[in-house]
N, C-alpha and C. Protein backbone atom coordinates (compact mmCIF):
# COMPACT_ATOMS: atom_id res chain seq x y z
N MET A 1 -7.85 26.75 -5.65
CA MET A 1 -8.21 25.65 -4.78
C MET A 1 -7.59 25.93 -3.41
N SER A 2 -8.38 25.77 -2.36
CA SER A 2 -7.89 26.08 -1.01
C SER A 2 -7.00 24.96 -0.49
N LEU A 3 -6.28 25.27 0.57
CA LEU A 3 -5.38 24.30 1.18
C LEU A 3 -6.15 23.09 1.70
N GLY A 4 -7.35 23.34 2.23
CA GLY A 4 -8.16 22.24 2.74
C GLY A 4 -8.51 21.22 1.68
N TRP A 5 -8.86 21.70 0.48
CA TRP A 5 -9.19 20.78 -0.60
C TRP A 5 -7.96 20.03 -1.07
N LYS A 6 -6.83 20.70 -1.11
CA LYS A 6 -5.60 20.02 -1.53
C LYS A 6 -5.24 18.90 -0.55
N LEU A 7 -5.36 19.20 0.75
CA LEU A 7 -5.06 18.18 1.75
C LEU A 7 -6.10 17.06 1.74
N PHE A 8 -7.34 17.39 1.39
CA PHE A 8 -8.36 16.35 1.25
C PHE A 8 -8.01 15.40 0.11
N ILE A 9 -7.50 15.92 -0.98
CA ILE A 9 -7.08 15.08 -2.11
C ILE A 9 -5.93 14.17 -1.69
N VAL A 10 -5.00 14.70 -0.91
CA VAL A 10 -3.89 13.88 -0.40
C VAL A 10 -4.44 12.79 0.52
N PHE A 11 -5.42 13.14 1.36
CA PHE A 11 -6.03 12.16 2.25
C PHE A 11 -6.70 11.04 1.46
N VAL A 12 -7.38 11.39 0.39
CA VAL A 12 -8.02 10.38 -0.46
C VAL A 12 -6.95 9.49 -1.09
N GLY A 13 -5.83 10.07 -1.51
CA GLY A 13 -4.73 9.28 -2.04
C GLY A 13 -4.17 8.32 -0.99
N PHE A 14 -4.05 8.79 0.24
CA PHE A 14 -3.56 7.94 1.32
C PHE A 14 -4.53 6.78 1.57
N CYS A 15 -5.82 7.09 1.59
CA CYS A 15 -6.81 6.03 1.79
C CYS A 15 -6.78 5.01 0.65
N ALA A 16 -6.59 5.48 -0.56
CA ALA A 16 -6.48 4.57 -1.70
C ALA A 16 -5.24 3.69 -1.58
N LEU A 17 -4.15 4.27 -1.12
CA LEU A 17 -2.90 3.52 -0.93
C LEU A 17 -3.08 2.44 0.12
N MET A 18 -3.65 2.80 1.26
CA MET A 18 -3.86 1.83 2.33
C MET A 18 -4.91 0.79 1.94
N GLY A 19 -5.94 1.22 1.22
CA GLY A 19 -6.95 0.27 0.76
C GLY A 19 -6.36 -0.76 -0.20
N GLY A 20 -5.47 -0.31 -1.06
CA GLY A 20 -4.81 -1.24 -1.98
C GLY A 20 -3.94 -2.25 -1.26
N VAL A 21 -3.24 -1.79 -0.24
CA VAL A 21 -2.39 -2.71 0.54
C VAL A 21 -3.26 -3.73 1.27
N MET A 22 -4.33 -3.26 1.90
CA MET A 22 -5.21 -4.18 2.63
C MET A 22 -5.87 -5.17 1.68
N TRP A 23 -6.33 -4.70 0.52
CA TRP A 23 -6.95 -5.59 -0.45
C TRP A 23 -5.98 -6.68 -0.89
N MET A 24 -4.74 -6.29 -1.18
CA MET A 24 -3.75 -7.26 -1.64
C MET A 24 -3.38 -8.24 -0.54
N ALA A 25 -3.24 -7.75 0.69
CA ALA A 25 -2.87 -8.64 1.79
C ALA A 25 -3.98 -9.65 2.07
N PHE A 26 -5.23 -9.22 2.06
CA PHE A 26 -6.32 -10.16 2.29
C PHE A 26 -6.47 -11.13 1.13
N ARG A 27 -6.23 -10.67 -0.09
CA ARG A 27 -6.30 -11.57 -1.25
C ARG A 27 -5.22 -12.65 -1.15
N GLU A 28 -4.02 -12.25 -0.76
CA GLU A 28 -2.94 -13.24 -0.65
C GLU A 28 -3.19 -14.20 0.50
N ARG A 29 -3.80 -13.71 1.57
CA ARG A 29 -4.09 -14.60 2.69
C ARG A 29 -5.13 -15.64 2.27
N LYS A 30 -6.14 -15.20 1.52
CA LYS A 30 -7.16 -16.12 1.03
C LYS A 30 -6.55 -17.13 0.07
N ARG A 31 -5.67 -16.64 -0.81
CA ARG A 31 -5.02 -17.52 -1.78
C ARG A 31 -4.05 -18.48 -1.09
N GLY A 32 -3.47 -18.05 0.03
CA GLY A 32 -2.50 -18.89 0.73
C GLY A 32 -3.09 -20.13 1.35
N ARG A 33 -4.38 -20.15 1.56
CA ARG A 33 -5.02 -21.33 2.13
C ARG A 33 -5.01 -22.50 1.15
N SER A 34 -4.91 -22.19 -0.14
CA SER A 34 -4.94 -23.27 -1.14
C SER A 34 -3.53 -23.79 -1.47
N ILE A 35 -2.50 -23.19 -0.88
CA ILE A 35 -1.13 -23.65 -1.13
C ILE A 35 -0.87 -24.89 -0.28
N ALA A 36 -0.29 -25.88 -0.89
CA ALA A 36 0.04 -27.11 -0.16
C ALA A 36 1.07 -26.80 0.93
N PRO A 37 0.97 -27.45 2.09
CA PRO A 37 1.88 -27.15 3.19
C PRO A 37 3.37 -27.34 2.86
N GLY A 38 3.69 -28.25 1.98
CA GLY A 38 5.09 -28.52 1.65
C GLY A 38 5.63 -27.71 0.47
N ASP A 39 4.81 -26.90 -0.13
CA ASP A 39 5.22 -26.13 -1.31
C ASP A 39 5.93 -24.85 -0.88
N LEU A 40 7.21 -24.95 -0.67
CA LEU A 40 7.99 -23.81 -0.17
C LEU A 40 8.15 -22.72 -1.22
N ALA A 41 8.23 -23.09 -2.48
CA ALA A 41 8.39 -22.09 -3.54
C ALA A 41 7.15 -21.20 -3.64
N ALA A 42 5.97 -21.80 -3.55
CA ALA A 42 4.74 -21.00 -3.63
C ALA A 42 4.60 -20.10 -2.41
N GLY A 43 4.98 -20.60 -1.25
CA GLY A 43 4.93 -19.77 -0.03
C GLY A 43 5.91 -18.61 -0.11
N ALA A 44 7.09 -18.86 -0.63
CA ALA A 44 8.08 -17.79 -0.77
C ALA A 44 7.62 -16.75 -1.79
N ALA A 45 7.01 -17.20 -2.88
CA ALA A 45 6.50 -16.26 -3.88
C ALA A 45 5.39 -15.40 -3.30
N GLN A 46 4.54 -16.00 -2.49
CA GLN A 46 3.47 -15.25 -1.85
C GLN A 46 4.05 -14.20 -0.89
N ASP A 47 5.03 -14.59 -0.11
CA ASP A 47 5.67 -13.64 0.80
C ASP A 47 6.33 -12.50 0.04
N ASN A 48 6.96 -12.82 -1.08
CA ASN A 48 7.61 -11.78 -1.89
C ASN A 48 6.60 -10.77 -2.44
N ARG A 49 5.44 -11.27 -2.89
CA ARG A 49 4.41 -10.36 -3.41
C ARG A 49 3.89 -9.43 -2.32
N VAL A 50 3.65 -9.97 -1.14
CA VAL A 50 3.15 -9.15 -0.04
C VAL A 50 4.19 -8.11 0.37
N LEU A 51 5.43 -8.51 0.50
CA LEU A 51 6.48 -7.56 0.88
C LEU A 51 6.68 -6.48 -0.17
N LEU A 52 6.57 -6.84 -1.44
CA LEU A 52 6.71 -5.85 -2.50
C LEU A 52 5.61 -4.79 -2.40
N VAL A 53 4.40 -5.22 -2.16
CA VAL A 53 3.30 -4.26 -2.04
C VAL A 53 3.46 -3.40 -0.81
N ILE A 54 3.85 -3.98 0.31
CA ILE A 54 4.00 -3.21 1.55
C ILE A 54 5.11 -2.18 1.41
N PHE A 55 6.25 -2.55 0.88
CA PHE A 55 7.35 -1.60 0.77
C PHE A 55 7.10 -0.55 -0.30
N SER A 56 6.42 -0.92 -1.38
CA SER A 56 6.09 0.10 -2.37
C SER A 56 5.06 1.08 -1.81
N ALA A 57 4.15 0.59 -0.96
CA ALA A 57 3.19 1.49 -0.30
C ALA A 57 3.91 2.41 0.68
N ALA A 58 4.94 1.92 1.34
CA ALA A 58 5.71 2.77 2.25
C ALA A 58 6.39 3.90 1.47
N ILE A 59 6.92 3.59 0.32
CA ILE A 59 7.53 4.63 -0.52
C ILE A 59 6.47 5.61 -1.00
N GLY A 60 5.30 5.09 -1.36
CA GLY A 60 4.19 5.96 -1.75
C GLY A 60 3.76 6.87 -0.61
N GLY A 61 3.76 6.36 0.61
CA GLY A 61 3.44 7.18 1.78
C GLY A 61 4.46 8.28 2.00
N LEU A 62 5.73 7.97 1.77
CA LEU A 62 6.77 8.99 1.89
C LEU A 62 6.58 10.07 0.83
N LEU A 63 6.20 9.68 -0.36
CA LEU A 63 5.94 10.68 -1.40
C LEU A 63 4.73 11.54 -1.06
N LEU A 64 3.71 10.93 -0.45
CA LEU A 64 2.57 11.73 -0.01
C LEU A 64 2.98 12.71 1.08
N THR A 65 3.90 12.31 1.95
CA THR A 65 4.39 13.22 2.98
C THR A 65 5.10 14.41 2.35
N LEU A 66 5.90 14.17 1.35
CA LEU A 66 6.56 15.28 0.65
C LEU A 66 5.54 16.18 -0.04
N LEU A 67 4.50 15.59 -0.60
CA LEU A 67 3.45 16.38 -1.24
C LEU A 67 2.74 17.27 -0.22
N VAL A 68 2.45 16.73 0.96
CA VAL A 68 1.80 17.54 2.00
C VAL A 68 2.71 18.67 2.43
N ALA A 69 3.99 18.38 2.62
CA ALA A 69 4.93 19.44 3.03
C ALA A 69 4.98 20.53 1.96
N TRP A 70 4.99 20.13 0.71
CA TRP A 70 5.03 21.12 -0.39
C TRP A 70 3.76 21.96 -0.40
N LEU A 71 2.61 21.31 -0.20
CA LEU A 71 1.34 22.05 -0.20
C LEU A 71 1.22 23.02 0.97
N VAL A 72 1.71 22.61 2.13
CA VAL A 72 1.53 23.44 3.33
C VAL A 72 2.56 24.57 3.37
N PHE A 73 3.80 24.28 3.07
CA PHE A 73 4.86 25.26 3.30
C PHE A 73 5.26 26.07 2.09
N LEU A 74 4.85 25.69 0.90
CA LEU A 74 5.22 26.47 -0.28
C LEU A 74 4.03 27.10 -0.96
C-alpha cells in the first residue's frame, strides 16, 4: 500500500472523528432546548457530555498525528 493511500485512510479517520464531534454537539444543542431554564443539574450534565466528547476527540486527533508521523517517517 502506498503512502498516499495510508494518509488517505488517516484523513478518513480524521473526518470521522470530526463528524462524530459535530454530530454530538448538534444533538446536545437540539436536546438542550427542551431543558427547563432552572434545571441546573441537567445543564451541567449536558455540558459534561459535550466536554467529554471534545476532549476525547482531541486525544484521538493527537493519536492520528502520531500515526501520520509513523507512516511518513518510518
